[in-house]
Amino acid sequence: MNYFKKFGVAPGSKIALGKVDASFKDQHESHEHALPEIEAHSQKLHDLQYLMYAEGKRSLLICLQGRDAAGKDGTINHVLGAMNPQGCPVTGFKVPSREEAAHDFLWRYHKATPARGQVAIFNRSHYEDVLIQRVHNMVPKSVWSGRYEHINNFEKMLHDNGTHILKFYLHIDAEEQLERFKMRITDPARHWKISDGDYAERPFWDAYTEAFEEAMSKCSTSHAPWFIIPSNHKWFRNLAISKIVSEALEAMDMKFPEPTVDINEIKQKYHAIVTEEGDGEQAELEEQVNSGKGKQEKQGKKGKKGKKAKKGKKGK
């Protein structure tokens, strides 16, 4: 199945999240059934990120959005964790600091975009400013409604400078969210994740749905597409995202750069010396070993003669 077409949001299309099956799992029956494919895409992610780093011409920005407990942290850990962290910075965006709030709303996000050769991950993103600020009336409609255009211009500028953008909405339903909240309450290792705010946001479910739908409708473009990923099944979420990201990286047709030195000259100049040194060290080691064996043999013979002499004396 083509996941780009299945989950991608067409520019300007009307979205109804309530009609999207959050429990969709394609033809896979279980995590075990999907695991070989997940592992194959994870390996591709590892290899392609290395290639992107080596080529050093382009970058990739991955934005993760979703409701509380949708699985943003899990996606980073289980899917994007296959990448080398040296070339894959992760930035989580929470309530803006005083300094961040004193700048335009895109300032803090722009600072965290990837350099050439990097894959950057946003745990929540610049879309927070047309989601929570809209739902809770933190700014007037005249402000947040104008931000869609600013976001599109921002993403176009990044794309024009060599940054590819993939945006994922992790789609869970209200029942699944509540189940995950319950798991956080019952599992001591997850207590730190739960807060009053998680439950306080649930009455705004419909308002957030409307905000997500409009943001994706107005800001899904050919160069910065949105994907609605069914995420009730965590393993299918991991499969879908790893498949989409690995295929997007493959489509970039990246190449390893040409060497900046003459490889044959390096081989002749240095490799031969290393080989000779290695051969010399090996010969010296063998000589020491053989010499040691010779000494041991001599000592062994002397020992035998001594024993015979002692026996002779005892006999007398």
C-alpha atoms as a PDB file:
ATOM      1  CA  MET A   1       0.000   0.000   0.000  1.00  0.00           C
ATOM      2  CA  ASN A   2       1.190   3.502  -0.830  1.00  0.00           C
ATOM      3  CA  TYR A   3       1.205   5.220   2.570  1.00  0.00           C
ATOM      4  CA  PHE A   4       2.007   8.594   1.010  1.00  0.00           C
ATOM      5  CA  LYS A   5      -1.337   8.525  -0.765  1.00  0.00           C
ATOM      6  CA  LYS A   6      -3.248   6.680   1.960  1.00  0.00           C
ATOM      7  CA  PHE A   7      -2.333   9.022   4.809  1.00  0.00           C
ATOM      8  CA  GLY A   8      -1.208  12.177   3.026  1.00  0.00           C
ATOM      9  CA  VAL A   9      -3.432  15.271   3.186  1.00  0.00           C
ATOM     10  CA  ALA A  10      -4.074  16.805  -0.225  1.00  0.00           C
ATOM     11  CA  PRO A  11      -3.501  20.591  -0.266  1.00  0.00           C
ATOM     12  CA  GLY A  12      -6.729  22.459   0.440  1.00  0.00           C
ATOM     13  CA  SER A  13      -8.764  19.320   1.117  1.00  0.00           C
ATOM     14  CA  LYS A  14     -11.476  19.213   3.737  1.00  0.00           C
ATOM     15  CA  ILE A  15     -10.625  16.966   6.655  1.00  0.00           C
ATOM     16  CA  ALA A  16     -12.962  15.110   9.003  1.00  0.00           C
ATOM     17  CA  LEU A  17     -10.856  13.418  11.671  1.00  0.00           C
ATOM     18  CA  GLY A  18     -13.947  11.734  13.094  1.00  0.00           C
ATOM     19  CA  LYS A  19     -14.203   9.682   9.909  1.00  0.00           C
ATOM     20  CA  VAL A  20     -10.567   8.518  10.005  1.00  0.00           C
ATOM     21  CA  ASP A  21     -10.149   5.066  11.574  1.00  0.00           C
ATOM     22  CA  ALA A  22      -7.569   5.501  14.344  1.00  0.00           C
ATOM     23  CA  SER A  23      -7.307   1.695  14.672  1.00  0.00           C
ATOM     24  CA  PHE A  24      -6.423   1.030  11.027  1.00  0.00           C
ATOM     25  CA  LYS A  25      -3.602  -1.494  10.672  1.00  0.00           C
ATOM     26  CA  ASP A  26      -3.498  -2.327   6.952  1.00  0.00           C
ATOM     27  CA  GLN A  27      -3.156  -6.075   6.300  1.00  0.00           C
ATOM     28  CA  HIS A  28      -1.128  -6.698   9.438  1.00  0.00           C
ATOM     29  CA  GLU A  29      -2.688  -8.812  12.155  1.00  0.00           C
ATOM     30  CA  SER A  30      -0.326  -7.921  14.972  1.00  0.00           C
ATOM     31  CA  HIS A  31       2.932  -6.333  15.998  1.00  0.00           C
ATOM     32  CA  GLU A  32       4.719  -9.651  15.487  1.00  0.00           C
ATOM     33  CA  HIS A  33       3.394  -9.849  11.941  1.00  0.00           C
ATOM     34  CA  ALA A  34       4.568  -6.320  11.132  1.00  0.00           C
ATOM     35  CA  LEU A  35       7.911  -6.517  12.947  1.00  0.00           C
ATOM     36  CA  PRO A  36      10.088  -7.695  10.013  1.00  0.00           C
ATOM     37  CA  GLU A  37       8.862  -4.767   7.918  1.00  0.00           C
ATOM     38  CA  ILE A  38       9.376  -2.311  10.782  1.00  0.00           C
ATOM     39  CA  GLU A  39      12.942  -3.541  11.288  1.00  0.00           C
ATOM     40  CA  ALA A  40      13.684  -3.305   7.560  1.00  0.00           C
ATOM     41  CA  HIS A  41      12.551   0.322   7.437  1.00  0.00           C
ATOM     42  CA  SER A  42      14.497   1.105  10.622  1.00  0.00           C
ATOM     43  CA  GLN A  43      17.672  -0.157   8.981  1.00  0.00           C
ATOM     44  CA  LYS A  44      16.927   1.984   5.929  1.00  0.00           C
ATOM     45  CA  LEU A  45      16.486   5.034   8.151  1.00  0.00           C
ATOM     46  CA  HIS A  46      19.864   4.363   9.752  1.00  0.00           C
ATOM     47  CA  ASP A  47      21.630   3.966   6.401  1.00  0.00           C
ATOM     48  CA  LEU A  48      19.920   6.877   4.647  1.00  0.00           C
ATOM     49  CA  GLN A  49      20.543   9.286   7.501  1.00  0.00           C
ATOM     50  CA  TYR A  50      24.240   8.380   7.307  1.00  0.00           C
ATOM     51  CA  LEU A  51      24.138   9.071   3.566  1.00  0.00           C
ATOM     52  CA  MET A  52      22.436  12.442   4.135  1.00  0.00           C
ATOM     53  CA  TYR A  53      25.086  13.377   6.686  1.00  0.00           C
ATOM     54  CA  ALA A  54      27.886  12.357   4.327  1.00  0.00           C
ATOM     55  CA  GLU A  55      26.409  14.188   1.332  1.00  0.00           C
ATOM     56  CA  GLY A  56      25.857  17.347   3.397  1.00  0.00           C
ATOM     57  CA  LYS A  57      23.642  19.091   0.862  1.00  0.00           C
ATOM     58  CA  ARG A  58      20.111  18.641   2.176  1.00  0.00           C
ATOM     59  CA  SER A  59      18.263  18.254   5.455  1.00  0.00           C
ATOM     60  CA  LEU A  60      14.993  16.858   6.745  1.00  0.00           C
ATOM     61  CA  LEU A  61      12.592  18.330   9.301  1.00  0.00           C
ATOM     62  CA  ILE A  62      10.080  15.959  10.917  1.00  0.00           C
ATOM     63  CA  CYS A  63       7.217  17.538  12.865  1.00  0.00           C
ATOM     64  CA  LEU A  64       5.178  15.441  15.295  1.00  0.00           C
ATOM     65  CA  GLN A  65       1.803  16.705  16.465  1.00  0.00           C
ATOM     66  CA  GLY A  66      -1.046  15.044  18.304  1.00  0.00           C
ATOM     67  CA  ARG A  67      -3.172  15.126  21.394  1.00  0.00           C
ATOM     68  CA  ASP A  68      -1.817  14.292  24.830  1.00  0.00           C
ATOM     69  CA  ALA A  69      -0.703  10.628  24.964  1.00  0.00           C
ATOM     70  CA  ALA A  70      -0.842  10.293  21.162  1.00  0.00           C
ATOM     71  CA  GLY A  71       2.669   8.833  21.126  1.00  0.00           C
ATOM     72  CA  LYS A  72       5.085  11.583  20.136  1.00  0.00           C
ATOM     73  CA  ASP A  73       7.784  10.432  22.569  1.00  0.00           C
ATOM     74  CA  GLY A  74       7.226   6.805  21.594  1.00  0.00           C
ATOM     75  CA  THR A  75       7.630   7.624  17.916  1.00  0.00           C
ATOM     76  CA  ILE A  76      10.928   9.370  18.576  1.00  0.00           C
ATOM     77  CA  ASN A  77      12.168   6.466  20.662  1.00  0.00           C
ATOM     78  CA  HIS A  78      11.030   3.478  18.598  1.00  0.00           C
ATOM     79  CA  VAL A  79      11.120   4.842  15.051  1.00  0.00           C
ATOM     80  CA  LEU A  80      13.506   7.742  14.774  1.00  0.00           C
ATOM     81  CA  GLY A  81      15.796   6.274  17.419  1.00  0.00           C
ATOM     82  CA  ALA A  82      17.324   4.221  14.603  1.00  0.00           C
ATOM     83  CA  MET A  83      19.175   7.349  13.514  1.00  0.00           C
ATOM     84  CA  ASN A  84      22.531   8.520  14.865  1.00  0.00           C
ATOM     85  CA  PRO A  85      21.820  11.249  17.460  1.00  0.00           C
ATOM     86  CA  GLN A  86      24.909  13.186  16.335  1.00  0.00           C
ATOM     87  CA  GLY A  87      23.050  14.123  13.175  1.00  0.00           C
ATOM     88  CA  CYS A  88      19.494  13.984  14.500  1.00  0.00           C
ATOM     89  CA  PRO A  89      18.682  16.690  17.076  1.00  0.00           C
ATOM     90  CA  VAL A  90      15.301  16.531  18.837  1.00  0.00           C
ATOM     91  CA  THR A  91      13.582  19.647  20.159  1.00  0.00           C
ATOM     92  CA  GLY A  92      10.495  19.641  22.354  1.00  0.00           C
ATOM     93  CA  PHE A  93       8.435  22.824  22.455  1.00  0.00           C
ATOM     94  CA  LYS A  94       6.499  23.664  25.589  1.00  0.00           C
ATOM     95  CA  VAL A  95       5.225  26.976  26.976  1.00  0.00           C
ATOM     96  CA  PRO A  96       7.357  29.778  25.464  1.00  0.00           C
ATOM     97  CA  SER A  97       9.967  31.324  27.757  1.00  0.00           C
ATOM     98  CA  ARG A  98       9.956  35.054  28.430  1.00  0.00           C
ATOM     99  CA  GLU A  99      12.638  35.553  25.775  1.00  0.00           C
ATOM    100  CA  GLU A 100      10.765  33.419  23.220  1.00  0.00           C
ATOM    101  CA  ALA A 101       7.476  35.222  23.885  1.00  0.00           C
ATOM    102  CA  ALA A 102       9.214  38.564  23.252  1.00  0.00           C
ATOM    103  CA  HIS A 103       9.956  37.536  19.648  1.00  0.00           C
ATOM    104  CA  ASP A 104       7.714  36.631  16.722  1.00  0.00           C
ATOM    105  CA  PHE A 105       6.034  33.230  17.135  1.00  0.00           C
ATOM    106  CA  LEU A 106       8.313  31.491  14.610  1.00  0.00           C
ATOM    107  CA  TRP A 107      11.603  32.668  16.136  1.00  0.00           C
ATOM    108  CA  ARG A 108      12.143  29.767  18.514  1.00  0.00           C
ATOM    109  CA  TYR A 109      11.291  27.208  15.855  1.00  0.00           C
ATOM    110  CA  HIS A 110      13.580  28.674  13.211  1.00  0.00           C
ATOM    111  CA  LYS A 111      16.550  28.367  15.570  1.00  0.00           C
ATOM    112  CA  ALA A 112      15.987  24.606  15.825  1.00  0.00           C
ATOM    113  CA  THR A 113      15.645  23.795  12.111  1.00  0.00           C
ATOM    114  CA  PRO A 114      18.232  21.345  10.748  1.00  0.00           C
ATOM    115  CA  ALA A 115      21.557  22.268   9.223  1.00  0.00           C
ATOM    116  CA  ARG A 116      22.552  20.622   5.937  1.00  0.00           C
ATOM    117  CA  GLY A 117      23.173  16.932   6.488  1.00  0.00           C
ATOM    118  CA  GLN A 118      20.904  16.747   9.533  1.00  0.00           C
ATOM    119  CA  VAL A 119      17.501  15.278  10.344  1.00  0.00           C
ATOM    120  CA  ALA A 120      15.749  17.420  12.972  1.00  0.00           C
ATOM    121  CA  ILE A 121      12.686  16.318  14.930  1.00  0.00           C
ATOM    122  CA  PHE A 122      10.136  18.668  16.456  1.00  0.00           C
ATOM    123  CA  ASN A 123       8.164  17.194  19.364  1.00  0.00           C
ATOM    124  CA  ARG A 124       5.227  19.576  18.913  1.00  0.00           C
ATOM    125  CA  SER A 125       6.003  22.380  16.526  1.00  0.00           C
ATOM    126  CA  HIS A 126       5.143  25.807  15.141  1.00  0.00           C
ATOM    127  CA  TYR A 127       1.555  24.544  14.783  1.00  0.00           C
ATOM    128  CA  GLU A 128       1.072  24.958  18.533  1.00  0.00           C
ATOM    129  CA  ASP A 129       0.473  28.636  17.792  1.00  0.00           C
ATOM    130  CA  VAL A 130      -2.649  27.845  15.749  1.00  0.00           C
ATOM    131  CA  LEU A 131      -3.821  25.084  18.102  1.00  0.00           C
ATOM    132  CA  ILE A 132      -3.661  25.756  21.845  1.00  0.00           C
ATOM    133  CA  GLN A 133      -3.583  29.536  21.403  1.00  0.00           C
ATOM    134  CA  ARG A 134      -6.679  29.309  19.241  1.00  0.00           C
ATOM    135  CA  VAL A 135      -8.572  26.848  21.457  1.00  0.00           C
ATOM    136  CA  HIS A 136      -7.928  28.801  24.661  1.00  0.00           C
ATOM    137  CA  ASN A 137      -8.319  32.259  23.116  1.00  0.00           C
ATOM    138  CA  MET A 138      -4.788  33.290  24.060  1.00  0.00           C
ATOM    139  CA  VAL A 139      -4.703  35.594  21.053  1.00  0.00           C
ATOM    140  CA  PRO A 140      -7.570  37.053  19.015  1.00  0.00           C
ATOM    141  CA  LYS A 141      -8.771  35.331  15.838  1.00  0.00           C
ATOM    142  CA  SER A 142      -7.291  38.147  13.756  1.00  0.00           C
ATOM    143  CA  VAL A 143      -3.855  37.026  15.012  1.00  0.00           C
ATOM    144  CA  TRP A 144      -4.008  33.223  14.828  1.00  0.00           C
ATOM    145  CA  SER A 145      -5.900  33.194  11.522  1.00  0.00           C
ATOM    146  CA  GLY A 146      -3.059  35.133   9.883  1.00  0.00           C
ATOM    147  CA  ARG A 147      -0.478  32.630  11.066  1.00  0.00           C
ATOM    148  CA  TYR A 148      -1.371  29.991   8.468  1.00  0.00           C
ATOM    149  CA  GLU A 149       0.124  32.197   5.770  1.00  0.00           C
ATOM    150  CA  HIS A 150       3.195  32.894   7.889  1.00  0.00           C
ATOM    151  CA  ILE A 151       3.661  29.159   8.450  1.00  0.00           C
ATOM    152  CA  ASN A 152       3.348  28.370   4.749  1.00  0.00           C
ATOM    153  CA  ASN A 153       5.887  31.072   3.875  1.00  0.00           C
ATOM    154  CA  PHE A 154       8.235  29.813   6.592  1.00  0.00           C
ATOM    155  CA  GLU A 155       8.077  26.237   5.312  1.00  0.00           C
ATOM    156  CA  LYS A 156       8.498  27.354   1.702  1.00  0.00           C
ATOM    157  CA  MET A 157      11.613  29.277   2.667  1.00  0.00           C
ATOM    158  CA  LEU A 158      13.043  26.210   4.422  1.00  0.00           C
ATOM    159  CA  HIS A 159      12.266  24.033   1.413  1.00  0.00           C
ATOM    160  CA  ASP A 160      13.884  26.492  -0.982  1.00  0.00           C
ATOM    161  CA  ASN A 161      17.036  26.260   1.126  1.00  0.00           C
ATOM    162  CA  GLY A 162      17.219  22.474   0.904  1.00  0.00           C
ATOM    163  CA  THR A 163      15.140  21.350   3.891  1.00  0.00           C
ATOM    164  CA  HIS A 164      12.548  18.669   3.190  1.00  0.00           C
ATOM    165  CA  ILE A 165       9.596  18.689   5.576  1.00  0.00           C
ATOM    166  CA  LEU A 166       7.323  15.866   6.760  1.00  0.00           C
ATOM    167  CA  LYS A 167       4.537  16.583   9.266  1.00  0.00           C
ATOM    168  CA  PHE A 168       2.728  13.814  11.138  1.00  0.00           C
ATOM    169  CA  TYR A 169      -0.519  14.037  13.066  1.00  0.00           C
ATOM    170  CA  LEU A 170      -0.716  11.019  15.401  1.00  0.00           C
ATOM    171  CA  HIS A 171      -4.399  10.161  15.353  1.00  0.00           C
ATOM    172  CA  ILE A 172      -5.929   8.466  18.405  1.00  0.00           C
ATOM    173  CA  ASP A 173      -9.564   8.455  19.494  1.00  0.00           C
ATOM    174  CA  ALA A 174     -10.939   9.644  22.835  1.00  0.00           C
ATOM    175  CA  GLU A 175     -11.281   6.120  24.234  1.00  0.00           C
ATOM    176  CA  GLU A 176      -7.674   5.243  23.467  1.00  0.00           C
ATOM    177  CA  GLN A 177      -6.453   8.461  25.049  1.00  0.00           C
ATOM    178  CA  LEU A 178      -8.347   7.677  28.255  1.00  0.00           C
ATOM    179  CA  GLU A 179      -6.888   4.147  28.337  1.00  0.00           C
ATOM    180  CA  ARG A 180      -3.390   5.566  28.048  1.00  0.00           C
ATOM    181  CA  PHE A 181      -4.079   8.030  30.849  1.00  0.00           C
ATOM    182  CA  LYS A 182      -5.185   5.077  33.013  1.00  0.00           C
ATOM    183  CA  MET A 183      -1.942   3.244  32.218  1.00  0.00           C
ATOM    184  CA  ARG A 184       0.009   6.280  33.369  1.00  0.00           C
ATOM    185  CA  ILE A 185      -1.874   6.277  36.652  1.00  0.00           C
ATOM    186  CA  THR A 186      -1.444   2.549  37.338  1.00  0.00           C
ATOM    187  CA  ASP A 187       2.191   2.227  36.218  1.00  0.00           C
ATOM    188  CA  PRO A 188       4.643   3.834  38.702  1.00  0.00           C
ATOM    189  CA  ALA A 189       7.205   4.202  35.929  1.00  0.00           C
ATOM    190  CA  ARG A 190       4.771   6.470  34.075  1.00  0.00           C
ATOM    191  CA  HIS A 191       3.456   8.554  36.962  1.00  0.00           C
ATOM    192  CA  TRP A 192       5.718  11.421  35.973  1.00  0.00           C
ATOM    193  CA  LYS A 193       3.846  11.760  32.662  1.00  0.00           C
ATOM    194  CA  ILE A 194       0.394  12.405  34.116  1.00  0.00           C
ATOM    195  CA  SER A 195      -0.913  15.843  35.099  1.00  0.00           C
ATOM    196  CA  ASP A 196      -4.177  17.623  35.810  1.00  0.00           C
ATOM    197  CA  GLY A 197      -3.775  19.393  32.496  1.00  0.00           C
ATOM    198  CA  ASP A 198      -4.187  16.128  30.599  1.00  0.00           C
ATOM    199  CA  TYR A 199      -7.708  15.682  31.898  1.00  0.00           C
ATOM    200  CA  ALA A 200      -8.471  19.421  31.821  1.00  0.00           C
ATOM    201  CA  GLU A 201      -7.974  19.410  28.039  1.00  0.00           C
ATOM    202  CA  ARG A 202     -10.432  16.597  27.321  1.00  0.00           C
ATOM    203  CA  PRO A 203     -13.548  18.867  27.372  1.00  0.00           C
ATOM    204  CA  PHE A 204     -11.914  20.782  24.500  1.00  0.00           C
ATOM    205  CA  TRP A 205     -11.685  17.669  22.302  1.00  0.00           C
ATOM    206  CA  ASP A 206     -13.994  19.028  19.581  1.00  0.00           C
ATOM    207  CA  ALA A 207     -12.330  22.447  19.598  1.00  0.00           C
ATOM    208  CA  TYR A 208      -8.921  20.843  19.106  1.00  0.00           C
ATOM    209  CA  THR A 209     -10.328  18.630  16.361  1.00  0.00           C
ATOM    210  CA  GLU A 210     -11.522  21.688  14.469  1.00  0.00           C
ATOM    211  CA  ALA A 211      -8.183  23.449  14.977  1.00  0.00           C
ATOM    212  CA  PHE A 212      -6.174  20.436  13.748  1.00  0.00           C
ATOM    213  CA  GLU A 213      -8.422  20.002  10.720  1.00  0.00           C
ATOM    214  CA  GLU A 214      -8.090  23.621   9.613  1.00  0.00           C
ATOM    215  CA  ALA A 215      -4.328  23.708  10.193  1.00  0.00           C
ATOM    216  CA  MET A 216      -3.748  20.596   8.086  1.00  0.00           C
ATOM    217  CA  SER A 217      -6.150  21.735   5.380  1.00  0.00           C
ATOM    218  CA  LYS A 218      -4.498  25.133   5.005  1.00  0.00           C
ATOM    219  CA  CYS A 219      -0.893  24.102   5.524  1.00  0.00           C
ATOM    220  CA  SER A 220      -0.467  20.776   3.729  1.00  0.00           C
ATOM    221  CA  THR A 221       1.559  21.468   0.591  1.00  0.00           C
ATOM    222  CA  SER A 222       3.534  19.447  -1.933  1.00  0.00           C
ATOM    223  CA  HIS A 223       6.803  20.562  -0.327  1.00  0.00           C
ATOM    224  CA  ALA A 224       5.612  20.221   3.301  1.00  0.00           C
ATOM    225  CA  PRO A 225       2.865  17.586   3.424  1.00  0.00           C
ATOM    226  CA  TRP A 226       0.763  16.549   6.396  1.00  0.00           C
ATOM    227  CA  PHE A 227       0.092  12.878   7.137  1.00  0.00           C
ATOM    228  CA  ILE A 228      -2.717  11.615   9.374  1.00  0.00           C
ATOM    229  CA  ILE A 229      -1.307   8.460  10.981  1.00  0.00           C
ATOM    230  CA  PRO A 230      -3.700   5.975  12.686  1.00  0.00           C
ATOM    231  CA  SER A 231      -2.059   5.595  16.095  1.00  0.00           C
ATOM    232  CA  ASN A 232      -4.349   3.543  18.346  1.00  0.00           C
ATOM    233  CA  HIS A 233      -1.967   0.655  17.591  1.00  0.00           C
ATOM    234  CA  LYS A 234       1.484   1.930  18.497  1.00  0.00           C
ATOM    235  CA  TRP A 235       3.236  -0.658  16.365  1.00  0.00           C
ATOM    236  CA  PHE A 236       1.297   0.356  13.267  1.00  0.00           C
ATOM    237  CA  ARG A 237       2.112   4.016  13.942  1.00  0.00           C
ATOM    238  CA  ASN A 238       5.783   3.027  14.018  1.00  0.00           C
ATOM    239  CA  LEU A 239       5.475   1.069  10.791  1.00  0.00           C
ATOM    240  CA  ALA A 240       3.667   3.817   8.887  1.00  0.00           C
ATOM    241  CA  ILE A 241       6.010   6.618   9.917  1.00  0.00           C
ATOM    242  CA  SER A 242       9.199   4.611   9.366  1.00  0.00           C
ATOM    243  CA  LYS A 243       7.956   3.617   5.905  1.00  0.00           C
ATOM    244  CA  ILE A 244       7.020   7.175   4.902  1.00  0.00           C
ATOM    245  CA  VAL A 245      10.260   8.707   6.184  1.00  0.00           C
ATOM    246  CA  SER A 246      12.525   6.053   4.645  1.00  0.00           C
ATOM    247  CA  GLU A 247      10.777   6.316   1.274  1.00  0.00           C
ATOM    248  CA  ALA A 248      11.011  10.118   1.378  1.00  0.00           C
ATOM    249  CA  LEU A 249      14.749   9.870   2.025  1.00  0.00           C
ATOM    250  CA  GLU A 250      15.181   7.332  -0.783  1.00  0.00           C
ATOM    251  CA  ALA A 251      13.368   9.656  -3.188  1.00  0.00           C
ATOM    252  CA  MET A 252      16.010  12.345  -2.585  1.00  0.00           C
ATOM    253  CA  ASP A 253      18.437  10.177  -4.583  1.00  0.00           C
ATOM    254  CA  MET A 254      21.378  11.175  -2.402  1.00  0.00           C
ATOM    255  CA  LYS A 255      24.951  10.263  -3.334  1.00  0.00           C
ATOM    256  CA  PHE A 256      28.127   9.852  -1.362  1.00  0.00           C
ATOM    257  CA  PRO A 257      30.467  12.745  -2.193  1.00  0.00           C
ATOM    258  CA  GLU A 258      33.555  12.198  -4.298  1.00  0.00           C
ATOM    259  CA  PRO A 259      36.762  11.874  -2.247  1.00  0.00           C
ATOM    260  CA  THR A 260      38.791  15.053  -1.829  1.00  0.00           C
ATOM    261  CA  VAL A 261      42.087  13.140  -2.152  1.00  0.00           C
ATOM    262  CA  ASP A 262      43.592  10.657  -4.613  1.00  0.00           C
ATOM    263  CA  ILE A 263      42.641   7.289  -3.086  1.00  0.00           C
ATOM    264  CA  ASN A 264      45.270   5.364  -5.076  1.00  0.00           C
ATOM    265  CA  GLU A 265      47.980   7.786  -4.000  1.00  0.00           C
ATOM    266  CA  ILE A 266      46.900   7.402  -0.360  1.00  0.00           C
ATOM    267  CA  LYS A 267      47.021   3.615  -0.696  1.00  0.00           C
ATOM    268  CA  GLN A 268      50.501   3.684  -2.215  1.00  0.00           C
ATOM    269  CA  LYS A 269      51.823   6.289   0.178  1.00  0.00           C
ATOM    270  CA  TYR A 270      50.409   5.050   3.464  1.00  0.00           C
ATOM    271  CA  HIS A 271      48.803   1.656   3.149  1.00  0.00           C
ATOM    272  CA  ALA A 272      52.007   0.011   1.894  1.00  0.00           C
ATOM    273  CA  ILE A 273      53.942   1.500   4.834  1.00  0.00           C
ATOM    274  CA  VAL A 274      51.339   0.258   7.274  1.00  0.00           C
ATOM    275  CA  THR A 275      51.467  -3.178   5.666  1.00  0.00           C
ATOM    276  CA  GLU A 276      55.274  -3.278   5.817  1.00  0.00           C
ATOM    277  CA  GLU A 277      55.213  -2.150   9.441  1.00  0.00           C
ATOM    278  CA  GLY A 278      52.598  -4.771  10.168  1.00  0.00           C
ATOM    279  CA  ASP A 279      54.663  -7.477   8.431  1.00  0.00           C
ATOM    280  CA  GLY A 280      57.765  -6.379  10.349  1.00  0.00           C
ATOM    281  CA  GLU A 281      55.931  -6.467  13.665  1.00  0.00           C
ATOM    282  CA  GLN A 282      54.512  -9.895  12.839  1.00  0.00           C
ATOM    283  CA  ALA A 283      57.944 -11.245  11.925  1.00  0.00           C
ATOM    284  CA  GLU A 284      59.418  -9.851  15.150  1.00  0.00           C
ATOM    285  CA  LEU A 285      56.598 -11.409  17.156  1.00  0.00           C
ATOM    286  CA  GLU A 286      57.112 -14.791  15.497  1.00  0.00           C
ATOM    287  CA  GLU A 287      60.846 -14.579  16.203  1.00  0.00           C
ATOM    288  CA  GLN A 288      60.156 -13.849  19.877  1.00  0.00           C
ATOM    289  CA  VAL A 289      57.731 -16.732  20.063  1.00  0.00           C
ATOM    290  CA  ASN A 290      60.180 -19.120  18.382  1.00  0.00           C
ATOM    291  CA  SER A 291      62.976 -17.861  20.600  1.00  0.00           C
ATOM    292  CA  GLY A 292      60.822 -18.475  23.627  1.00  0.00           C
ATOM    293  CA  LYS A 293      60.049 -21.988  22.452  1.00  0.00           C
ATOM    294  CA  GLY A 294      63.767 -22.648  22.004  1.00  0.00           C
ATOM    295  CA  LYS A 295      64.527 -21.544  25.544  1.00  0.00           C
ATOM    296  CA  GLN A 296      61.702 -23.655  26.902  1.00  0.00           C
ATOM    297  CA  GLU A 297      62.994 -26.703  25.024  1.00  0.00           C
ATOM    298  CA  LYS A 298      66.532 -26.180  26.372  1.00  0.00           C
ATOM    299  CA  GLN A 299      65.218 -25.715  29.881  1.00  0.00           C
ATOM    300  CA  GLY A 300      63.131 -28.834  29.461  1.00  0.00           C
ATOM    301  CA  LYS A 301      66.173 -30.883  28.403  1.00  0.00           C
ATOM    302  CA  LYS A 302      68.246 -29.563  31.315  1.00  0.00           C
ATOM    303  CA  GLY A 303      65.422 -30.456  33.659  1.00  0.00           C
ATOM    304  CA  LYS A 304      65.271 -33.993  32.360  1.00  0.00           C
ATOM    305  CA  LYS A 305      69.060 -34.444  32.722  1.00  0.00           C
ATOM    306  CA  GLY A 306      68.885 -33.155  36.298  1.00  0.00           C
ATOM    307  CA  LYS A 307      66.136 -35.586  37.181  1.00  0.00           C
ATOM    308  CA  LYS A 308      68.085 -38.500  35.695  1.00  0.00           C
ATOM    309  CA  ALA A 309      71.183 -37.501  37.674  1.00  0.00           C
ATOM    310  CA  LYS A 310      69.193 -37.379  40.910  1.00  0.00           C
ATOM    311  CA  LYS A 311      67.693 -40.779  40.219  1.00  0.00           C
ATOM    312  CA  GLY A 312      71.190 -42.148  39.614  1.00  0.00           C
ATOM    313  CA  LYS A 313      72.416 -40.840  42.950  1.00  0.00           C
ATOM    314  CA  LYS A 314      69.424 -42.309  44.774  1.00  0.00           C
ATOM    315  CA  GLY A 315      70.126 -45.668  43.137  1.00  0.00           C
ATOM    316  CA  LYS A 316      73.662 -45.615  44.439  1.00  0.00           C
END
